């Protein structure tokens, strides 16, 4: 029997354009976003109202997603802003486009 390789996502949330950023990782983006929007996800996100998905990156394996999350968290803020604006210049909520 072969081990099951599970994919994952790294994602960035905010509550408004150019607001404070939250970086997360998950194996099920739709379920995780449902948790964030229902206020049952991260207590940190709930406190600040971060529900706007501004960046989502798919990964073939969850370990790659975890590595990317750690790397993004170490980045300077302007690098993160440039990454978001390269694919989402209006900082719109992209969740509905992904599901």
PDB file of N, CA and C in Angstrom:
ATOM      1  N   UNK A   1       0.838  -1.171   0.000  1.00  0.00           N
ATOM      2  CA  UNK A   1       0.000   0.000   0.000  1.00  0.00           C
ATOM      3  C   UNK A   1       0.890   1.243   0.000  1.00  0.00           C
ATOM      4  N   UNK A   2       0.492   2.250  -0.777  1.00  0.00           N
ATOM      5  CA  UNK A   2       1.244   3.490  -0.879  1.00  0.00           C
ATOM      6  C   UNK A   2       0.645   4.536   0.059  1.00  0.00           C
ATOM      7  N   UNK A   3       1.484   5.400   0.604  1.00  0.00           N
ATOM      8  CA  UNK A   3       0.940   6.453   1.468  1.00  0.00           C
ATOM      9  C   UNK A   3       0.110   7.440   0.653  1.00  0.00           C
ATOM     10  N   UNK A   4      -0.916   7.982   1.261  1.00  0.00           N
ATOM     11  CA  UNK A   4      -1.759   8.973   0.603  1.00  0.00           C
ATOM     12  C   UNK A   4      -1.050  10.324   0.675  1.00  0.00           C
ATOM     13  N   UNK A   5      -0.894  10.944  -0.470  1.00  0.00           N
ATOM     14  CA  UNK A   5      -0.272  12.258  -0.525  1.00  0.00           C
ATOM     15  C   UNK A   5      -1.399  13.282  -0.607  1.00  0.00           C
ATOM     16  N   UNK A   6      -1.443  14.131   0.379  1.00  0.00           N
ATOM     17  CA  UNK A   6      -2.521  15.110   0.456  1.00  0.00           C
ATOM     18  C   UNK A   6      -2.007  16.477   0.076  1.00  0.00           C
ATOM     19  N   UNK A   7      -2.768  17.184  -0.742  1.00  0.00           N
ATOM     20  CA  UNK A   7      -2.385  18.531  -1.137  1.00  0.00           C
ATOM     21  C   UNK A   7      -2.717  19.534  -0.052  1.00  0.00           C
ATOM     22  N   UNK A   8      -2.376  20.773  -0.312  1.00  0.00           N
ATOM     23  CA  UNK A   8      -2.664  21.810   0.660  1.00  0.00           C
ATOM     24  C   UNK A   8      -2.692  23.179   0.019  1.00  0.00           C
ATOM     25  N   UNK A   9      -3.016  24.163   0.824  1.00  0.00           N
ATOM     26  CA  UNK A   9      -3.113  25.548   0.394  1.00  0.00           C
ATOM     27  C   UNK A   9      -2.396  26.447   1.396  1.00  0.00           C
ATOM     28  N   UNK A  10      -1.724  27.465   0.896  1.00  0.00           N
ATOM     29  CA  UNK A  10      -1.332  28.582   1.744  1.00  0.00           C
ATOM     30  C   UNK A  10      -2.265  29.713   1.342  1.00  0.00           C
ATOM     31  N   UNK A  11      -2.613  30.547   2.319  1.00  0.00           N
ATOM     32  CA  UNK A  11      -3.565  31.613   2.018  1.00  0.00           C
ATOM     33  C   UNK A  11      -3.282  32.829   2.882  1.00  0.00           C
ATOM     34  N   UNK A  12      -3.752  33.969   2.380  1.00  0.00           N
ATOM     35  CA  UNK A  12      -3.625  35.216   3.127  1.00  0.00           C
ATOM     36  C   UNK A  12      -5.009  35.840   3.244  1.00  0.00           C
ATOM     37  N   UNK A  13      -5.348  36.211   4.477  1.00  0.00           N
ATOM     38  CA  UNK A  13      -6.603  36.891   4.777  1.00  0.00           C
ATOM     39  C   UNK A  13      -6.317  38.308   5.247  1.00  0.00           C
ATOM     40  N   UNK A  14      -7.300  39.178   5.087  1.00  0.00           N
ATOM     41  CA  UNK A  14      -7.259  40.521   5.651  1.00  0.00           C
ATOM     42  C   UNK A  14      -8.691  40.943   5.924  1.00  0.00           C
ATOM     43  N   UNK A  15      -8.863  42.082   6.567  1.00  0.00           N
ATOM     44  CA  UNK A  15     -10.213  42.592   6.800  1.00  0.00           C
ATOM     45  C   UNK A  15     -10.530  43.782   5.900  1.00  0.00           C
ATOM     46  N   UNK A  16      -9.501  44.324   5.242  1.00  0.00           N
ATOM     47  CA  UNK A  16      -9.692  45.449   4.332  1.00  0.00           C
ATOM     48  C   UNK A  16      -8.444  45.577   3.466  1.00  0.00           C
ATOM     49  N   UNK A  17      -8.542  46.267   2.319  1.00  0.00           N
ATOM     50  CA  UNK A  17      -7.357  46.468   1.488  1.00  0.00           C
ATOM     51  C   UNK A  17      -6.236  47.136   2.287  1.00  0.00           C
ATOM     52  N   UNK A  18      -5.052  46.592   2.155  1.00  0.00           N
ATOM     53  CA  UNK A  18      -3.851  47.083   2.827  1.00  0.00           C
ATOM     54  C   UNK A  18      -3.955  47.010   4.353  1.00  0.00           C
ATOM     55  N   UNK A  19      -4.845  46.155   4.843  1.00  0.00           N
ATOM     56  CA  UNK A  19      -4.990  45.973   6.285  1.00  0.00           C
ATOM     57  C   UNK A  19      -3.956  44.989   6.816  1.00  0.00           C
ATOM     58  N   UNK A  20      -4.164  44.573   8.048  1.00  0.00           N
ATOM     59  CA  UNK A  20      -3.276  43.595   8.673  1.00  0.00           C
ATOM     60  C   UNK A  20      -3.487  42.249   7.982  1.00  0.00           C
ATOM     61  N   UNK A  21      -2.413  41.497   7.812  1.00  0.00           N
ATOM     62  CA  UNK A  21      -2.462  40.232   7.081  1.00  0.00           C
ATOM     63  C   UNK A  21      -2.385  39.040   8.024  1.00  0.00           C
ATOM     64  N   UNK A  22      -3.123  37.988   7.658  1.00  0.00           N
ATOM     65  CA  UNK A  22      -3.062  36.713   8.369  1.00  0.00           C
ATOM     66  C   UNK A  22      -2.666  35.662   7.347  1.00  0.00           C
ATOM     67  N   UNK A  23      -1.636  34.881   7.635  1.00  0.00           N
ATOM     68  CA  UNK A  23      -1.177  33.834   6.731  1.00  0.00           C
ATOM     69  C   UNK A  23      -1.485  32.489   7.367  1.00  0.00           C
ATOM     70  N   UNK A  24      -2.111  31.614   6.582  1.00  0.00           N
ATOM     71  CA  UNK A  24      -2.468  30.300   7.103  1.00  0.00           C
ATOM     72  C   UNK A  24      -2.184  29.199   6.101  1.00  0.00           C
ATOM     73  N   UNK A  25      -2.384  27.969   6.553  1.00  0.00           N
ATOM     74  CA  UNK A  25      -2.199  26.782   5.723  1.00  0.00           C
ATOM     75  C   UNK A  25      -3.332  25.818   6.045  1.00  0.00           C
ATOM     76  N   UNK A  26      -3.801  25.095   5.029  1.00  0.00           N
ATOM     77  CA  UNK A  26      -4.889  24.147   5.226  1.00  0.00           C
ATOM     78  C   UNK A  26      -4.863  23.094   4.127  1.00  0.00           C
ATOM     79  N   UNK A  27      -5.476  21.958   4.410  1.00  0.00           N
ATOM     80  CA  UNK A  27      -5.629  20.931   3.375  1.00  0.00           C
ATOM     81  C   UNK A  27      -6.982  21.080   2.675  1.00  0.00           C
ATOM     82  N   UNK A  28      -7.894  21.863   3.244  1.00  0.00           N
ATOM     83  CA  UNK A  28      -9.236  22.047   2.680  1.00  0.00           C
ATOM     84  C   UNK A  28      -9.606  23.525   2.782  1.00  0.00           C
ATOM     85  N   UNK A  29      -9.351  24.257   1.721  1.00  0.00           N
ATOM     86  CA  UNK A  29      -9.554  25.705   1.739  1.00  0.00           C
ATOM     87  C   UNK A  29     -11.022  26.072   1.947  1.00  0.00           C
ATOM     88  N   UNK A  30     -11.931  25.383   1.298  1.00  0.00           N
ATOM     89  CA  UNK A  30     -13.360  25.711   1.433  1.00  0.00           C
ATOM     90  C   UNK A  30     -13.817  25.545   2.879  1.00  0.00           C
ATOM     91  N   UNK A  31     -13.426  24.448   3.511  1.00  0.00           N
ATOM     92  CA  UNK A  31     -13.824  24.210   4.902  1.00  0.00           C
ATOM     93  C   UNK A  31     -13.180  25.222   5.833  1.00  0.00           C
ATOM     94  N   UNK A  32     -11.930  25.548   5.592  1.00  0.00           N
ATOM     95  CA  UNK A  32     -11.230  26.498   6.467  1.00  0.00           C
ATOM     96  C   UNK A  32     -11.833  27.891   6.345  1.00  0.00           C
ATOM     97  N   UNK A  33     -12.190  28.295   5.121  1.00  0.00           N
ATOM     98  CA  UNK A  33     -12.823  29.600   4.935  1.00  0.00           C
ATOM     99  C   UNK A  33     -14.195  29.633   5.594  1.00  0.00           C
ATOM    100  N   UNK A  34     -14.921  28.537   5.537  1.00  0.00           N
ATOM    101  CA  UNK A  34     -16.217  28.470   6.213  1.00  0.00           C
ATOM    102  C   UNK A  34     -16.025  28.669   7.716  1.00  0.00           C
ATOM    103  N   UNK A  35     -14.973  28.078   8.270  1.00  0.00           N
ATOM    104  CA  UNK A  35     -14.678  28.256   9.698  1.00  0.00           C
ATOM    105  C   UNK A  35     -14.348  29.718  10.009  1.00  0.00           C
ATOM    106  N   UNK A  36     -13.488  30.318   9.209  1.00  0.00           N
ATOM    107  CA  UNK A  36     -13.123  31.710   9.445  1.00  0.00           C
ATOM    108  C   UNK A  36     -14.354  32.613   9.382  1.00  0.00           C
ATOM    109  N   UNK A  37     -15.198  32.394   8.399  1.00  0.00           N
ATOM    110  CA  UNK A  37     -16.363  33.265   8.210  1.00  0.00           C
ATOM    111  C   UNK A  37     -17.439  33.038   9.268  1.00  0.00           C
ATOM    112  N   UNK A  38     -17.473  31.845   9.830  1.00  0.00           N
ATOM    113  CA  UNK A  38     -18.440  31.558  10.907  1.00  0.00           C
ATOM    114  C   UNK A  38     -17.890  31.958  12.271  1.00  0.00           C
ATOM    115  N   UNK A  39     -16.634  32.394  12.316  1.00  0.00           N
ATOM    116  CA  UNK A  39     -16.025  32.783  13.581  1.00  0.00           C
ATOM    117  C   UNK A  39     -15.544  31.610  14.408  1.00  0.00           C
ATOM    118  N   UNK A  40     -15.418  30.444  13.781  1.00  0.00           N
ATOM    119  CA  UNK A  40     -14.955  29.259  14.506  1.00  0.00           C
ATOM    120  C   UNK A  40     -13.544  28.856  14.100  1.00  0.00           C
ATOM    121  N   UNK A  41     -12.923  29.642  13.236  1.00  0.00           N
ATOM    122  CA  UNK A  41     -11.541  29.355  12.831  1.00  0.00           C
ATOM    123  C   UNK A  41     -10.592  29.857  13.892  1.00  0.00           C
ATOM    124  N   UNK A  42      -9.565  30.503  13.481  1.00  0.00           N
ATOM    125  CA  UNK A  42      -8.563  31.044  14.392  1.00  0.00           C
ATOM    126  C   UNK A  42      -9.168  32.140  15.278  1.00  0.00           C
ATOM    127  N   UNK A  43      -8.897  32.079  16.574  1.00  0.00           N
ATOM    128  CA  UNK A  43      -9.355  33.126  17.495  1.00  0.00           C
ATOM    129  C   UNK A  43      -8.722  34.462  17.115  1.00  0.00           C
ATOM    130  N   UNK A  44      -7.513  34.411  16.613  1.00  0.00           N
ATOM    131  CA  UNK A  44      -6.805  35.600  16.156  1.00  0.00           C
ATOM    132  C   UNK A  44      -7.576  36.258  15.006  1.00  0.00           C
ATOM    133  N   UNK A  45      -8.037  35.460  14.044  1.00  0.00           N
ATOM    134  CA  UNK A  45      -8.813  35.987  12.917  1.00  0.00           C
ATOM    135  C   UNK A  45     -10.161  36.514  13.384  1.00  0.00           C
ATOM    136  N   UNK A  46     -10.794  35.790  14.270  1.00  0.00           N
ATOM    137  CA  UNK A  46     -12.102  36.194  14.789  1.00  0.00           C
ATOM    138  C   UNK A  46     -12.009  37.556  15.473  1.00  0.00           C
ATOM    139  N   UNK A  47     -10.948  37.752  16.242  1.00  0.00           N
ATOM    140  CA  UNK A  47     -10.760  39.007  16.975  1.00  0.00           C
ATOM    141  C   UNK A  47     -10.686  40.212  16.039  1.00  0.00           C
ATOM    142  N   UNK A  48     -10.019  40.049  14.906  1.00  0.00           N
ATOM    143  CA  UNK A  48      -9.815  41.157  13.985  1.00  0.00           C
ATOM    144  C   UNK A  48     -10.730  41.150  12.763  1.00  0.00           C
ATOM    145  N   UNK A  49     -11.596  40.163  12.644  1.00  0.00           N
ATOM    146  CA  UNK A  49     -12.544  40.115  11.535  1.00  0.00           C
ATOM    147  C   UNK A  49     -11.919  39.810  10.186  1.00  0.00           C
ATOM    148  N   UNK A  50     -10.868  39.002  10.186  1.00  0.00           N
ATOM    149  CA  UNK A  50     -10.208  38.671   8.923  1.00  0.00           C
ATOM    150  C   UNK A  50     -10.967  37.568   8.210  1.00  0.00           C
ATOM    151  N   UNK A  51     -11.704  37.945   7.176  1.00  0.00           N
ATOM    152  CA  UNK A  51     -12.461  36.966   6.395  1.00  0.00           C
ATOM    153  C   UNK A  51     -12.260  37.152   4.893  1.00  0.00           C
ATOM    154  N   UNK A  52     -11.551  38.198   4.488  1.00  0.00           N
ATOM    155  CA  UNK A  52     -11.346  38.466   3.063  1.00  0.00           C
ATOM    156  C   UNK A  52     -10.124  37.689   2.585  1.00  0.00           C
ATOM    157  N   UNK A  53     -10.356  36.721   1.701  1.00  0.00           N
ATOM    158  CA  UNK A  53      -9.272  35.915   1.135  1.00  0.00           C
ATOM    159  C   UNK A  53      -8.668  36.679  -0.035  1.00  0.00           C
ATOM    160  N   UNK A  54      -7.421  37.120   0.107  1.00  0.00           N
ATOM    161  CA  UNK A  54      -6.789  37.924  -0.941  1.00  0.00           C
ATOM    162  C   UNK A  54      -5.717  37.173  -1.719  1.00  0.00           C
ATOM    163  N   UNK A  55      -5.282  36.021  -1.193  1.00  0.00           N
ATOM    164  CA  UNK A  55      -4.298  35.205  -1.901  1.00  0.00           C
ATOM    165  C   UNK A  55      -4.481  33.758  -1.479  1.00  0.00           C
ATOM    166  N   UNK A  56      -4.438  32.855  -2.446  1.00  0.00           N
ATOM    167  CA  UNK A  56      -4.485  31.419  -2.160  1.00  0.00           C
ATOM    168  C   UNK A  56      -3.569  30.718  -3.151  1.00  0.00           C
ATOM    169  N   UNK A  57      -2.686  29.891  -2.629  1.00  0.00           N
ATOM    170  CA  UNK A  57      -1.739  29.151  -3.463  1.00  0.00           C
ATOM    171  C   UNK A  57      -1.922  27.658  -3.231  1.00  0.00           C
ATOM    172  N   UNK A  58      -2.244  26.903  -4.292  1.00  0.00           N
ATOM    173  CA  UNK A  58      -2.369  25.450  -4.135  1.00  0.00           C
ATOM    174  C   UNK A  58      -0.998  24.780  -4.154  1.00  0.00           C
ATOM    175  N   UNK A  59      -0.886  23.676  -3.428  1.00  0.00           N
ATOM    176  CA  UNK A  59       0.351  22.889  -3.383  1.00  0.00           C
ATOM    177  C   UNK A  59      -0.011  21.415  -3.521  1.00  0.00           C
ATOM    178  N   UNK A  60       0.815  20.675  -4.211  1.00  0.00           N
ATOM    179  CA  UNK A  60       0.555  19.253  -4.436  1.00  0.00           C
ATOM    180  C   UNK A  60       0.633  18.439  -3.146  1.00  0.00           C
ATOM    181  N   UNK A  61       1.462  18.884  -2.221  1.00  0.00           N
ATOM    182  CA  UNK A  61       1.624  18.164  -0.959  1.00  0.00           C
ATOM    183  C   UNK A  61       1.506  19.141   0.205  1.00  0.00           C
ATOM    184  N   UNK A  62       0.912  18.696   1.303  1.00  0.00           N
ATOM    185  CA  UNK A  62       0.712  19.555   2.465  1.00  0.00           C
ATOM    186  C   UNK A  62       2.047  20.031   3.045  1.00  0.00           C
ATOM    187  N   UNK A  63       3.077  19.211   2.969  1.00  0.00           N
ATOM    188  CA  UNK A  63       4.379  19.638   3.510  1.00  0.00           C
ATOM    189  C   UNK A  63       4.927  20.833   2.731  1.00  0.00           C
ATOM    190  N   UNK A  64       4.659  20.884   1.439  1.00  0.00           N
ATOM    191  CA  UNK A  64       5.080  22.036   0.631  1.00  0.00           C
ATOM    192  C   UNK A  64       4.293  23.280   1.045  1.00  0.00           C
ATOM    193  N   UNK A  65       3.016  23.109   1.341  1.00  0.00           N
ATOM    194  CA  UNK A  65       2.188  24.224   1.793  1.00  0.00           C
ATOM    195  C   UNK A  65       2.687  24.751   3.140  1.00  0.00           C
ATOM    196  N   UNK A  66       3.053  23.860   4.028  1.00  0.00           N
ATOM    197  CA  UNK A  66       3.568  24.255   5.344  1.00  0.00           C
ATOM    198  C   UNK A  66       4.886  25.007   5.199  1.00  0.00           C
ATOM    199  N   UNK A  67       5.759  24.513   4.326  1.00  0.00           N
ATOM    200  CA  UNK A  67       7.038  25.209   4.077  1.00  0.00           C
ATOM    201  C   UNK A  67       6.789  26.620   3.539  1.00  0.00           C
ATOM    202  N   UNK A  68       5.847  26.731   2.608  1.00  0.00           N
ATOM    203  CA  UNK A  68       5.532  28.040   2.017  1.00  0.00           C
ATOM    204  C   UNK A  68       4.946  28.980   3.067  1.00  0.00           C
ATOM    205  N   UNK A  69       4.073  28.463   3.927  1.00  0.00           N
ATOM    206  CA  UNK A  69       3.490  29.290   4.985  1.00  0.00           C
ATOM    207  C   UNK A  69       4.601  29.867   5.870  1.00  0.00           C
ATOM    208  N   UNK A  70       5.527  29.030   6.268  1.00  0.00           N
ATOM    209  CA  UNK A  70       6.626  29.484   7.126  1.00  0.00           C
ATOM    210  C   UNK A  70       7.476  30.531   6.409  1.00  0.00           C
ATOM    211  N   UNK A  71       7.721  30.317   5.132  1.00  0.00           N
ATOM    212  CA  UNK A  71       8.506  31.282   4.358  1.00  0.00           C
ATOM    213  C   UNK A  71       7.771  32.620   4.258  1.00  0.00           C
ATOM    214  N   UNK A  72       6.475  32.581   3.935  1.00  0.00           N
ATOM    215  CA  UNK A  72       5.698  33.815   3.817  1.00  0.00           C
ATOM    216  C   UNK A  72       5.665  34.585   5.134  1.00  0.00           C
ATOM    217  N   UNK A  73       5.535  33.878   6.228  1.00  0.00           N
ATOM    218  CA  UNK A  73       5.501  34.547   7.534  1.00  0.00           C
ATOM    219  C   UNK A  73       6.823  35.256   7.832  1.00  0.00           C
ATOM    220  N   UNK A  74       7.903  34.783   7.250  1.00  0.00           N
ATOM    221  CA  UNK A  74       9.215  35.402   7.468  1.00  0.00           C
ATOM    222  C   UNK A  74       9.464  36.590   6.537  1.00  0.00           C
ATOM    223  N   UNK A  75       8.636  36.734   5.511  1.00  0.00           N
ATOM    224  CA  UNK A  75       8.811  37.817   4.547  1.00  0.00           C
ATOM    225  C   UNK A  75       8.524  39.176   5.177  1.00  0.00           C
ATOM    226  N   UNK A  76       9.111  40.222   4.593  1.00  0.00           N
ATOM    227  CA  UNK A  76       8.781  41.596   4.957  1.00  0.00           C
ATOM    228  C   UNK A  76       7.379  41.913   4.432  1.00  0.00           C
ATOM    229  N   UNK A  77       6.710  42.824   5.101  1.00  0.00           N
ATOM    230  CA  UNK A  77       5.341  43.169   4.716  1.00  0.00           C
ATOM    231  C   UNK A  77       5.248  43.623   3.257  1.00  0.00           C
ATOM    232  N   UNK A  78       6.191  44.486   2.802  1.00  0.00           N
ATOM    233  CA  UNK A  78       6.056  44.960   1.420  1.00  0.00           C
ATOM    234  C   UNK A  78       6.189  43.838   0.408  1.00  0.00           C
ATOM    235  N   UNK A  79       6.934  42.792   0.723  1.00  0.00           N
ATOM    236  CA  UNK A  79       7.018  41.647  -0.186  1.00  0.00           C
ATOM    237  C   UNK A  79       5.661  40.959  -0.263  1.00  0.00           C
ATOM    238  N   UNK A  80       5.009  40.815   0.866  1.00  0.00           N
ATOM    239  CA  UNK A  80       3.685  40.181   0.903  1.00  0.00           C
ATOM    240  C   UNK A  80       2.671  41.022   0.125  1.00  0.00           C
ATOM    241  N   UNK A  81       2.723  42.333   0.317  1.00  0.00           N
ATOM    242  CA  UNK A  81       1.811  43.234  -0.395  1.00  0.00           C
ATOM    243  C   UNK A  81       2.036  43.124  -1.899  1.00  0.00           C
ATOM    244  N   UNK A  82       3.293  43.105  -2.326  1.00  0.00           N
ATOM    245  CA  UNK A  82       3.586  42.966  -3.765  1.00  0.00           C
ATOM    246  C   UNK A  82       3.080  41.641  -4.309  1.00  0.00           C
ATOM    247  N   UNK A  83       3.221  40.569  -3.534  1.00  0.00           N
ATOM    248  CA  UNK A  83       2.718  39.260  -3.953  1.00  0.00           C
ATOM    249  C   UNK A  83       1.204  39.296  -4.134  1.00  0.00           C
ATOM    250  N   UNK A  84       0.506  39.881  -3.184  1.00  0.00           N
ATOM    251  CA  UNK A  84      -0.954  39.987  -3.284  1.00  0.00           C
ATOM    252  C   UNK A  84      -1.339  40.817  -4.500  1.00  0.00           C
ATOM    253  N   UNK A  85      -0.727  41.988  -4.625  1.00  0.00           N
ATOM    254  CA  UNK A  85      -1.108  42.903  -5.695  1.00  0.00           C
ATOM    255  C   UNK A  85      -0.731  42.414  -7.087  1.00  0.00           C
ATOM    256  N   UNK A  86       0.219  41.504  -7.193  1.00  0.00           N
ATOM    257  CA  UNK A  86       0.570  40.937  -8.498  1.00  0.00           C
ATOM    258  C   UNK A  86      -0.606  40.146  -9.073  1.00  0.00           C
ATOM    259  N   UNK A  87      -1.359  39.478  -8.226  1.00  0.00           N
ATOM    260  CA  UNK A  87      -2.488  38.686  -8.714  1.00  0.00           C
ATOM    261  C   UNK A  87      -3.849  39.227  -8.332  1.00  0.00           C
ATOM    262  N   UNK A  88      -3.883  40.193  -7.406  1.00  0.00           N
ATOM    263  CA  UNK A  88      -5.150  40.715  -6.916  1.00  0.00           C
ATOM    264  C   UNK A  88      -4.973  42.195  -6.549  1.00  0.00           C
ATOM    265  N   UNK A  89      -4.787  43.046  -7.565  1.00  0.00           N
ATOM    266  CA  UNK A  89      -4.475  44.458  -7.302  1.00  0.00           C
ATOM    267  C   UNK A  89      -5.563  45.219  -6.543  1.00  0.00           C
ATOM    268  N   UNK A  90      -6.799  44.757  -6.619  1.00  0.00           N
ATOM    269  CA  UNK A  90      -7.903  45.430  -5.927  1.00  0.00           C
ATOM    270  C   UNK A  90      -8.135  44.900  -4.516  1.00  0.00           C
ATOM    271  N   UNK A  91      -7.370  43.886  -4.123  1.00  0.00           N
ATOM    272  CA  UNK A  91      -7.528  43.258  -2.810  1.00  0.00           C
ATOM    273  C   UNK A  91      -8.953  42.735  -2.630  1.00  0.00           C
ATOM    274  N   UNK A  92      -9.558  42.244  -3.710  1.00  0.00           N
ATOM    275  CA  UNK A  92     -10.920  41.730  -3.589  1.00  0.00           C
ATOM    276  C   UNK A  92     -10.899  40.325  -2.999  1.00  0.00           C
ATOM    277  N   UNK A  93     -12.041  39.907  -2.479  1.00  0.00           N
ATOM    278  CA  UNK A  93     -12.182  38.576  -1.899  1.00  0.00           C
ATOM    279  C   UNK A  93     -12.239  37.568  -3.046  1.00  0.00           C
ATOM    280  N   UNK A  94     -11.257  36.711  -3.146  1.00  0.00           N
ATOM    281  CA  UNK A  94     -11.161  35.786  -4.283  1.00  0.00           C
ATOM    282  C   UNK A  94     -11.786  34.428  -3.992  1.00  0.00           C
ATOM    283  N   UNK A  95     -12.339  34.239  -2.804  1.00  0.00           N
ATOM    284  CA  UNK A  95     -12.835  32.909  -2.438  1.00  0.00           C
ATOM    285  C   UNK A  95     -13.880  32.387  -3.417  1.00  0.00           C
ATOM    286  N   UNK A  96     -14.822  33.202  -3.795  1.00  0.00           N
ATOM    287  CA  UNK A  96     -15.896  32.755  -4.691  1.00  0.00           C
ATOM    288  C   UNK A  96     -15.357  32.331  -6.064  1.00  0.00           C
ATOM    289  N   UNK A  97     -14.241  32.878  -6.474  1.00  0.00           N
ATOM    290  CA  UNK A  97     -13.628  32.483  -7.754  1.00  0.00           C
ATOM    291  C   UNK A  97     -12.955  31.120  -7.685  1.00  0.00           C
ATOM    292  N   UNK A  98     -12.606  30.687  -6.469  1.00  0.00           N
ATOM    293  CA  UNK A  98     -11.871  29.432  -6.311  1.00  0.00           C
ATOM    294  C   UNK A  98     -12.772  28.214  -6.157  1.00  0.00           C
ATOM    295  N   UNK A  99     -13.977  28.412  -5.657  1.00  0.00           N
ATOM    296  CA  UNK A  99     -14.858  27.253  -5.402  1.00  0.00           C
ATOM    297  C   UNK A  99     -15.911  27.080  -6.454  1.00  0.00           C
TER     298      UNK A  99
END
